[in-house]
Amino acid sequence: MSKKNKKVKKEKVVYYDDGSTIADMSAVNKYGKKEDKASPPKRKSTFKEKWETYWEAVRLMIIPMFIVLGFLLVFYLLGLFIGK
């Protein structure tokens, strides 16, 4: 037989699932920090705290948003009047 007719068998790889993730995150809590057994567990934030944080972020971005909308309106109106 010629070399072309001979097929090289690929080695079959067997994977065993041990149930762990790719990166072992067993020592990390849901806040992304390693758990210390001595420290008390962190409390969850309330809806009111989340709402206040949301509005703090919105207040920071509301003026820039209106500035961008104003520029878009000016460019639209210029295109509208120049196009006629």
PDB file of N, CA and C in Angstrom:
ATOM      1  N   MET A   1       0.829  -1.186   0.000  1.00  0.00           N
ATOM      2  CA  MET A   1       0.000   0.000   0.000  1.00  0.00           C
ATOM      3  C   MET A   1       0.868   1.242   0.000  1.00  0.00           C
ATOM      4  N   SER A   2       0.338   2.276  -0.585  1.00  0.00           N
ATOM      5  CA  SER A   2       1.087   3.526  -0.609  1.00  0.00           C
ATOM      6  C   SER A   2       0.821   4.321   0.665  1.00  0.00           C
ATOM      7  N   LYS A   3       1.622   5.338   0.855  1.00  0.00           N
ATOM      8  CA  LYS A   3       1.480   6.165   2.062  1.00  0.00           C
ATOM      9  C   LYS A   3       0.183   6.959   2.051  1.00  0.00           C
ATOM     10  N   LYS A   4      -0.337   7.265   0.862  1.00  0.00           N
ATOM     11  CA  LYS A   4      -1.573   8.042   0.770  1.00  0.00           C
ATOM     12  C   LYS A   4      -2.772   7.255   1.282  1.00  0.00           C
ATOM     13  N   ASN A   5      -2.757   5.973   1.073  1.00  0.00           N
ATOM     14  CA  ASN A   5      -3.896   5.159   1.468  1.00  0.00           C
ATOM     15  C   ASN A   5      -3.928   4.868   2.965  1.00  0.00           C
ATOM     16  N   LYS A   6      -2.795   4.987   3.617  1.00  0.00           N
ATOM     17  CA  LYS A   6      -2.756   4.733   5.048  1.00  0.00           C
ATOM     18  C   LYS A   6      -3.281   5.957   5.793  1.00  0.00           C
ATOM     19  N   LYS A   7      -4.279   5.753   6.603  1.00  0.00           N
ATOM     20  CA  LYS A   7      -4.835   6.853   7.390  1.00  0.00           C
ATOM     21  C   LYS A   7      -4.217   6.829   8.777  1.00  0.00           C
ATOM     22  N   VAL A   8      -3.873   7.988   9.225  1.00  0.00           N
ATOM     23  CA  VAL A   8      -3.310   8.103  10.563  1.00  0.00           C
ATOM     24  C   VAL A   8      -4.477   8.295  11.519  1.00  0.00           C
ATOM     25  N   LYS A   9      -4.588   7.391  12.466  1.00  0.00           N
ATOM     26  CA  LYS A   9      -5.667   7.508  13.433  1.00  0.00           C
ATOM     27  C   LYS A   9      -5.323   8.587  14.447  1.00  0.00           C
ATOM     28  N   LYS A  10      -6.293   9.452  14.678  1.00  0.00           N
ATOM     29  CA  LYS A  10      -6.099  10.473  15.698  1.00  0.00           C
ATOM     30  C   LYS A  10      -6.391   9.871  17.063  1.00  0.00           C
ATOM     31  N   GLU A  11      -5.637  10.327  18.025  1.00  0.00           N
ATOM     32  CA  GLU A  11      -5.856   9.851  19.379  1.00  0.00           C
ATOM     33  C   GLU A  11      -7.139  10.464  19.910  1.00  0.00           C
ATOM     34  N   LYS A  12      -8.016   9.629  20.425  1.00  0.00           N
ATOM     35  CA  LYS A  12      -9.271  10.121  20.960  1.00  0.00           C
ATOM     36  C   LYS A  12      -9.029  10.669  22.366  1.00  0.00           C
ATOM     37  N   VAL A  13      -9.450  11.911  22.562  1.00  0.00           N
ATOM     38  CA  VAL A  13      -9.260  12.568  23.854  1.00  0.00           C
ATOM     39  C   VAL A  13     -10.519  12.348  24.681  1.00  0.00           C
ATOM     40  N   VAL A  14     -10.344  11.938  25.897  1.00  0.00           N
ATOM     41  CA  VAL A  14     -11.458  11.719  26.800  1.00  0.00           C
ATOM     42  C   VAL A  14     -11.405  12.806  27.867  1.00  0.00           C
ATOM     43  N   TYR A  15     -12.512  13.530  28.016  1.00  0.00           N
ATOM     44  CA  TYR A  15     -12.599  14.592  29.005  1.00  0.00           C
ATOM     45  C   TYR A  15     -13.429  14.105  30.183  1.00  0.00           C
ATOM     46  N   TYR A  16     -12.951  14.369  31.358  1.00  0.00           N
ATOM     47  CA  TYR A  16     -13.674  14.020  32.574  1.00  0.00           C
ATOM     48  C   TYR A  16     -14.172  15.302  33.211  1.00  0.00           C
ATOM     49  N   ASP A  17     -15.465  15.348  33.525  1.00  0.00           N
ATOM     50  CA  ASP A  17     -16.054  16.516  34.148  1.00  0.00           C
ATOM     51  C   ASP A  17     -16.076  16.314  35.655  1.00  0.00           C
ATOM     52  N   ASP A  18     -15.307  17.149  36.353  1.00  0.00           N
ATOM     53  CA  ASP A  18     -15.303  17.049  37.805  1.00  0.00           C
ATOM     54  C   ASP A  18     -16.264  18.042  38.438  1.00  0.00           C
ATOM     55  N   GLY A  19     -17.001  18.769  37.612  1.00  0.00           N
ATOM     56  CA  GLY A  19     -17.995  19.706  38.135  1.00  0.00           C
ATOM     57  C   GLY A  19     -17.449  21.073  38.460  1.00  0.00           C
ATOM     58  N   SER A  20     -16.162  21.292  38.316  1.00  0.00           N
ATOM     59  CA  SER A  20     -15.609  22.606  38.623  1.00  0.00           C
ATOM     60  C   SER A  20     -15.607  23.468  37.370  1.00  0.00           C
ATOM     61  N   THR A  21     -15.527  24.766  37.572  1.00  0.00           N
ATOM     62  CA  THR A  21     -15.462  25.689  36.443  1.00  0.00           C
ATOM     63  C   THR A  21     -14.033  25.778  35.932  1.00  0.00           C
ATOM     64  N   ILE A  22     -13.842  26.524  34.860  1.00  0.00           N
ATOM     65  CA  ILE A  22     -12.504  26.648  34.288  1.00  0.00           C
ATOM     66  C   ILE A  22     -11.558  27.271  35.306  1.00  0.00           C
ATOM     67  N   ALA A  23     -11.983  28.349  35.901  1.00  0.00           N
ATOM     68  CA  ALA A  23     -11.194  28.982  36.959  1.00  0.00           C
ATOM     69  C   ALA A  23     -11.862  28.631  38.277  1.00  0.00           C
ATOM     70  N   ASP A  24     -11.113  28.125  39.195  1.00  0.00           N
ATOM     71  CA  ASP A  24     -11.675  27.727  40.474  1.00  0.00           C
ATOM     72  C   ASP A  24     -12.037  28.965  41.273  1.00  0.00           C
ATOM     73  N   MET A  25     -13.312  29.199  41.437  1.00  0.00           N
ATOM     74  CA  MET A  25     -13.794  30.380  42.145  1.00  0.00           C
ATOM     75  C   MET A  25     -14.418  30.004  43.485  1.00  0.00           C
ATOM     76  N   SER A  26     -14.018  28.888  44.037  1.00  0.00           N
ATOM     77  CA  SER A  26     -14.662  28.407  45.247  1.00  0.00           C
ATOM     78  C   SER A  26     -14.388  29.300  46.456  1.00  0.00           C
ATOM     79  N   ALA A  27     -13.293  30.059  46.442  1.00  0.00           N
ATOM     80  CA  ALA A  27     -12.960  30.889  47.599  1.00  0.00           C
ATOM     81  C   ALA A  27     -13.446  32.325  47.431  1.00  0.00           C
ATOM     82  N   VAL A  28     -14.210  32.611  46.386  1.00  0.00           N
ATOM     83  CA  VAL A  28     -14.654  33.978  46.112  1.00  0.00           C
ATOM     84  C   VAL A  28     -16.156  34.057  46.325  1.00  0.00           C
ATOM     85  N   ASN A  29     -16.602  35.092  47.052  1.00  0.00           N
ATOM     86  CA  ASN A  29     -18.031  35.250  47.262  1.00  0.00           C
ATOM     87  C   ASN A  29     -18.658  36.016  46.098  1.00  0.00           C
ATOM     88  N   LYS A  30     -19.952  36.311  46.184  1.00  0.00           N
ATOM     89  CA  LYS A  30     -20.644  36.948  45.061  1.00  0.00           C
ATOM     90  C   LYS A  30     -20.251  38.413  44.867  1.00  0.00           C
ATOM     91  N   TYR A  31     -19.515  38.982  45.794  1.00  0.00           N
ATOM     92  CA  TYR A  31     -19.066  40.364  45.653  1.00  0.00           C
ATOM     93  C   TYR A  31     -17.692  40.448  45.006  1.00  0.00           C
ATOM     94  N   GLY A  32     -17.089  39.317  44.681  1.00  0.00           N
ATOM     95  CA  GLY A  32     -15.800  39.293  44.010  1.00  0.00           C
ATOM     96  C   GLY A  32     -14.612  39.349  44.936  1.00  0.00           C
ATOM     97  N   LYS A  33     -14.821  39.172  46.213  1.00  0.00           N
ATOM     98  CA  LYS A  33     -13.724  39.211  47.170  1.00  0.00           C
ATOM     99  C   LYS A  33     -13.624  37.856  47.849  1.00  0.00           C
ATOM    100  N   LYS A  34     -12.420  37.541  48.266  1.00  0.00           N
ATOM    101  CA  LYS A  34     -12.240  36.280  48.965  1.00  0.00           C
ATOM    102  C   LYS A  34     -12.926  36.350  50.320  1.00  0.00           C
ATOM    103  N   GLU A  35     -13.531  35.257  50.666  1.00  0.00           N
ATOM    104  CA  GLU A  35     -14.264  35.221  51.926  1.00  0.00           C
ATOM    105  C   GLU A  35     -13.319  35.073  53.105  1.00  0.00           C
ATOM    106  N   ASP A  36     -13.541  35.888  54.095  1.00  0.00           N
ATOM    107  CA  ASP A  36     -12.852  35.748  55.365  1.00  0.00           C
ATOM    108  C   ASP A  36     -13.867  35.194  56.348  1.00  0.00           C
ATOM    109  N   LYS A  37     -13.494  34.153  57.012  1.00  0.00           N
ATOM    110  CA  LYS A  37     -14.436  33.527  57.949  1.00  0.00           C
ATOM    111  C   LYS A  37     -14.693  34.427  59.157  1.00  0.00           C
ATOM    112  N   ALA A  38     -13.766  35.344  59.469  1.00  0.00           N
ATOM    113  CA  ALA A  38     -13.917  36.194  60.644  1.00  0.00           C
ATOM    114  C   ALA A  38     -14.840  37.384  60.377  1.00  0.00           C
ATOM    115  N   SER A  39     -14.923  37.841  59.118  1.00  0.00           N
ATOM    116  CA  SER A  39     -15.729  39.023  58.842  1.00  0.00           C
ATOM    117  C   SER A  39     -17.203  38.647  58.715  1.00  0.00           C
ATOM    118  N   PRO A  40     -18.085  39.552  59.150  1.00  0.00           N
ATOM    119  CA  PRO A  40     -19.524  39.258  59.041  1.00  0.00           C
ATOM    120  C   PRO A  40     -19.966  39.299  57.577  1.00  0.00           C
ATOM    121  N   PRO A  41     -21.024  38.593  57.236  1.00  0.00           N
ATOM    122  CA  PRO A  41     -21.496  38.612  55.848  1.00  0.00           C
ATOM    123  C   PRO A  41     -22.042  39.989  55.475  1.00  0.00           C
ATOM    124  N   LYS A  42     -21.855  40.358  54.227  1.00  0.00           N
ATOM    125  CA  LYS A  42     -22.336  41.665  53.770  1.00  0.00           C
ATOM    126  C   LYS A  42     -23.844  41.613  53.563  1.00  0.00           C
ATOM    127  N   ARG A  43     -24.508  42.737  53.863  1.00  0.00           N
ATOM    128  CA  ARG A  43     -25.948  42.784  53.679  1.00  0.00           C
ATOM    129  C   ARG A  43     -26.259  43.208  52.254  1.00  0.00           C
ATOM    130  N   LYS A  44     -27.432  42.876  51.784  1.00  0.00           N
ATOM    131  CA  LYS A  44     -27.854  43.276  50.448  1.00  0.00           C
ATOM    132  C   LYS A  44     -28.352  44.713  50.506  1.00  0.00           C
ATOM    133  N   SER A  45     -28.207  45.425  49.398  1.00  0.00           N
ATOM    134  CA  SER A  45     -28.685  46.801  49.358  1.00  0.00           C
ATOM    135  C   SER A  45     -30.200  46.812  49.173  1.00  0.00           C
ATOM    136  N   THR A  46     -30.820  47.854  49.691  1.00  0.00           N
ATOM    137  CA  THR A  46     -32.266  47.969  49.589  1.00  0.00           C
ATOM    138  C   THR A  46     -32.639  48.623  48.267  1.00  0.00           C
ATOM    139  N   PHE A  47     -33.909  48.558  47.932  1.00  0.00           N
ATOM    140  CA  PHE A  47     -34.396  49.181  46.707  1.00  0.00           C
ATOM    141  C   PHE A  47     -34.164  50.689  46.749  1.00  0.00           C
ATOM    142  N   LYS A  48     -34.355  51.290  47.906  1.00  0.00           N
ATOM    143  CA  LYS A  48     -34.167  52.736  48.041  1.00  0.00           C
ATOM    144  C   LYS A  48     -32.718  53.113  47.754  1.00  0.00           C
ATOM    145  N   GLU A  49     -31.762  52.344  48.260  1.00  0.00           N
ATOM    146  CA  GLU A  49     -30.348  52.629  48.005  1.00  0.00           C
ATOM    147  C   GLU A  49     -30.010  52.472  46.526  1.00  0.00           C
ATOM    148  N   LYS A  50     -30.586  51.451  45.894  1.00  0.00           N
ATOM    149  CA  LYS A  50     -30.352  51.261  44.466  1.00  0.00           C
ATOM    150  C   LYS A  50     -30.944  52.418  43.656  1.00  0.00           C
ATOM    151  N   TRP A  51     -32.141  52.854  44.044  1.00  0.00           N
ATOM    152  CA  TRP A  51     -32.800  53.956  43.349  1.00  0.00           C
ATOM    153  C   TRP A  51     -31.998  55.257  43.493  1.00  0.00           C
ATOM    154  N   GLU A  52     -31.498  55.523  44.683  1.00  0.00           N
ATOM    155  CA  GLU A  52     -30.684  56.729  44.902  1.00  0.00           C
ATOM    156  C   GLU A  52     -29.403  56.688  44.075  1.00  0.00           C
ATOM    157  N   THR A  53     -28.770  55.538  44.009  1.00  0.00           N
ATOM    158  CA  THR A  53     -27.549  55.396  43.205  1.00  0.00           C
ATOM    159  C   THR A  53     -27.859  55.612  41.733  1.00  0.00           C
ATOM    160  N   TYR A  54     -28.972  55.060  41.268  1.00  0.00           N
ATOM    161  CA  TYR A  54     -29.372  55.235  39.873  1.00  0.00           C
ATOM    162  C   TYR A  54     -29.565  56.716  39.549  1.00  0.00           C
ATOM    163  N   TRP A  55     -30.297  57.444  40.406  1.00  0.00           N
ATOM    164  CA  TRP A  55     -30.558  58.852  40.117  1.00  0.00           C
ATOM    165  C   TRP A  55     -29.300  59.707  40.247  1.00  0.00           C
ATOM    166  N   GLU A  56     -28.359  59.325  41.084  1.00  0.00           N
ATOM    167  CA  GLU A  56     -27.086  60.046  41.141  1.00  0.00           C
ATOM    168  C   GLU A  56     -26.361  59.935  39.805  1.00  0.00           C
ATOM    169  N   ALA A  57     -26.388  58.747  39.215  1.00  0.00           N
ATOM    170  CA  ALA A  57     -25.737  58.553  37.917  1.00  0.00           C
ATOM    171  C   ALA A  57     -26.486  59.292  36.812  1.00  0.00           C
ATOM    172  N   VAL A  58     -27.813  59.292  36.859  1.00  0.00           N
ATOM    173  CA  VAL A  58     -28.602  59.988  35.836  1.00  0.00           C
ATOM    174  C   VAL A  58     -28.386  61.488  35.930  1.00  0.00           C
ATOM    175  N   ARG A  59     -28.317  62.023  37.138  1.00  0.00           N
ATOM    176  CA  ARG A  59     -28.085  63.461  37.304  1.00  0.00           C
ATOM    177  C   ARG A  59     -26.754  63.894  36.708  1.00  0.00           C
ATOM    178  N   LEU A  60     -25.758  63.022  36.792  1.00  0.00           N
ATOM    179  CA  LEU A  60     -24.457  63.351  36.208  1.00  0.00           C
ATOM    180  C   LEU A  60     -24.518  63.410  34.679  1.00  0.00           C
ATOM    181  N   MET A  61     -25.389  62.628  34.073  1.00  0.00           N
ATOM    182  CA  MET A  61     -25.403  62.513  32.618  1.00  0.00           C
ATOM    183  C   MET A  61     -26.528  63.286  31.935  1.00  0.00           C
ATOM    184  N   ILE A  62     -27.408  63.936  32.676  1.00  0.00           N
ATOM    185  CA  ILE A  62     -28.563  64.572  32.040  1.00  0.00           C
ATOM    186  C   ILE A  62     -28.170  65.828  31.253  1.00  0.00           C
ATOM    187  N   ILE A  63     -27.268  66.637  31.762  1.00  0.00           N
ATOM    188  CA  ILE A  63     -26.848  67.848  31.039  1.00  0.00           C
ATOM    189  C   ILE A  63     -26.070  67.482  29.773  1.00  0.00           C
ATOM    190  N   PRO A  64     -25.088  66.572  29.828  1.00  0.00           N
ATOM    191  CA  PRO A  64     -24.435  66.175  28.575  1.00  0.00           C
ATOM    192  C   PRO A  64     -25.405  65.564  27.560  1.00  0.00           C
ATOM    193  N   MET A  65     -26.426  64.845  28.043  1.00  0.00           N
ATOM    194  CA  MET A  65     -27.402  64.267  27.134  1.00  0.00           C
ATOM    195  C   MET A  65     -28.168  65.364  26.393  1.00  0.00           C
ATOM    196  N   PHE A  66     -28.586  66.408  27.107  1.00  0.00           N
ATOM    197  CA  PHE A  66     -29.306  67.500  26.454  1.00  0.00           C
ATOM    198  C   PHE A  66     -28.406  68.259  25.490  1.00  0.00           C
ATOM    199  N   ILE A  67     -27.129  68.401  25.814  1.00  0.00           N
ATOM    200  CA  ILE A  67     -26.188  69.062  24.898  1.00  0.00           C
ATOM    201  C   ILE A  67     -26.063  68.270  23.603  1.00  0.00           C
ATOM    202  N   VAL A  68     -25.918  66.964  23.702  1.00  0.00           N
ATOM    203  CA  VAL A  68     -25.805  66.126  22.501  1.00  0.00           C
ATOM    204  C   VAL A  68     -27.098  66.171  21.701  1.00  0.00           C
ATOM    205  N   LEU A  69     -28.242  66.108  22.373  1.00  0.00           N
ATOM    206  CA  LEU A  69     -29.515  66.202  21.658  1.00  0.00           C
ATOM    207  C   LEU A  69     -29.665  67.556  20.968  1.00  0.00           C
ATOM    208  N   GLY A  70     -29.164  68.621  21.595  1.00  0.00           N
ATOM    209  CA  GLY A  70     -29.204  69.941  20.959  1.00  0.00           C
ATOM    210  C   GLY A  70     -28.360  69.985  19.701  1.00  0.00           C
ATOM    211  N   PHE A  71     -27.140  69.419  19.760  1.00  0.00           N
ATOM    212  CA  PHE A  71     -26.299  69.357  18.560  1.00  0.00           C
ATOM    213  C   PHE A  71     -26.972  68.552  17.452  1.00  0.00           C
ATOM    214  N   LEU A  72     -27.567  67.436  17.807  1.00  0.00           N
ATOM    215  CA  LEU A  72     -28.253  66.619  16.805  1.00  0.00           C
ATOM    216  C   LEU A  72     -29.417  67.376  16.174  1.00  0.00           C
ATOM    217  N   LEU A  73     -30.155  68.137  16.984  1.00  0.00           N
ATOM    218  CA  LEU A  73     -31.264  68.931  16.462  1.00  0.00           C
ATOM    219  C   LEU A  73     -30.760  70.011  15.516  1.00  0.00           C
ATOM    220  N   VAL A  74     -29.667  70.675  15.884  1.00  0.00           N
ATOM    221  CA  VAL A  74     -29.091  71.715  15.015  1.00  0.00           C
ATOM    222  C   VAL A  74     -28.639  71.112  13.692  1.00  0.00           C
ATOM    223  N   PHE A  75     -27.937  69.991  13.737  1.00  0.00           N
ATOM    224  CA  PHE A  75     -27.484  69.350  12.498  1.00  0.00           C
ATOM    225  C   PHE A  75     -28.659  68.883  11.651  1.00  0.00           C
ATOM    226  N   TYR A  76     -29.718  68.389  12.282  1.00  0.00           N
ATOM    227  CA  TYR A  76     -30.901  67.959  11.547  1.00  0.00           C
ATOM    228  C   TYR A  76     -31.569  69.147  10.858  1.00  0.00           C
ATOM    229  N   LEU A  77     -31.716  70.243  11.612  1.00  0.00           N
ATOM    230  CA  LEU A  77     -32.360  71.420  11.019  1.00  0.00           C
ATOM    231  C   LEU A  77     -31.508  72.019   9.905  1.00  0.00           C
ATOM    232  N   LEU A  78     -30.175  72.036  10.064  1.00  0.00           N
ATOM    233  CA  LEU A  78     -29.309  72.519   8.990  1.00  0.00           C
ATOM    234  C   LEU A  78     -29.461  71.648   7.751  1.00  0.00           C
ATOM    235  N   GLY A  79     -29.469  70.339   7.931  1.00  0.00           N
ATOM    236  CA  GLY A  79     -29.660  69.439   6.798  1.00  0.00           C
ATOM    237  C   GLY A  79     -31.018  69.600   6.161  1.00  0.00           C
ATOM    238  N   LEU A  80     -32.025  69.886   6.964  1.00  0.00           N
ATOM    239  CA  LEU A  80     -33.386  70.073   6.450  1.00  0.00           C
ATOM    240  C   LEU A  80     -33.481  71.342   5.609  1.00  0.00           C
ATOM    241  N   PHE A  81     -32.896  72.435   6.080  1.00  0.00           N
ATOM    242  CA  PHE A  81     -33.005  73.697   5.353  1.00  0.00           C
ATOM    243  C   PHE A  81     -32.030  73.770   4.178  1.00  0.00           C
ATOM    244  N   ILE A  82     -30.856  73.158   4.287  1.00  0.00           N
ATOM    245  CA  ILE A  82     -29.906  73.175   3.176  1.00  0.00           C
ATOM    246  C   ILE A  82     -30.373  72.251   2.058  1.00  0.00           C
ATOM    247  N   GLY A  83     -31.059  71.209   2.406  1.00  0.00           N
ATOM    248  CA  GLY A  83     -31.537  70.235   1.421  1.00  0.00           C
ATOM    249  C   GLY A  83     -32.636  70.770   0.518  1.00  0.00           C
ATOM    250  N   LYS A  84     -33.292  71.846   0.877  1.00  0.00           N
ATOM    251  CA  LYS A  84     -34.391  72.390   0.059  1.00  0.00           C
ATOM    252  C   LYS A  84     -33.889  73.201  -1.083  1.00  0.00           C
TER     253      LYS A  84
END
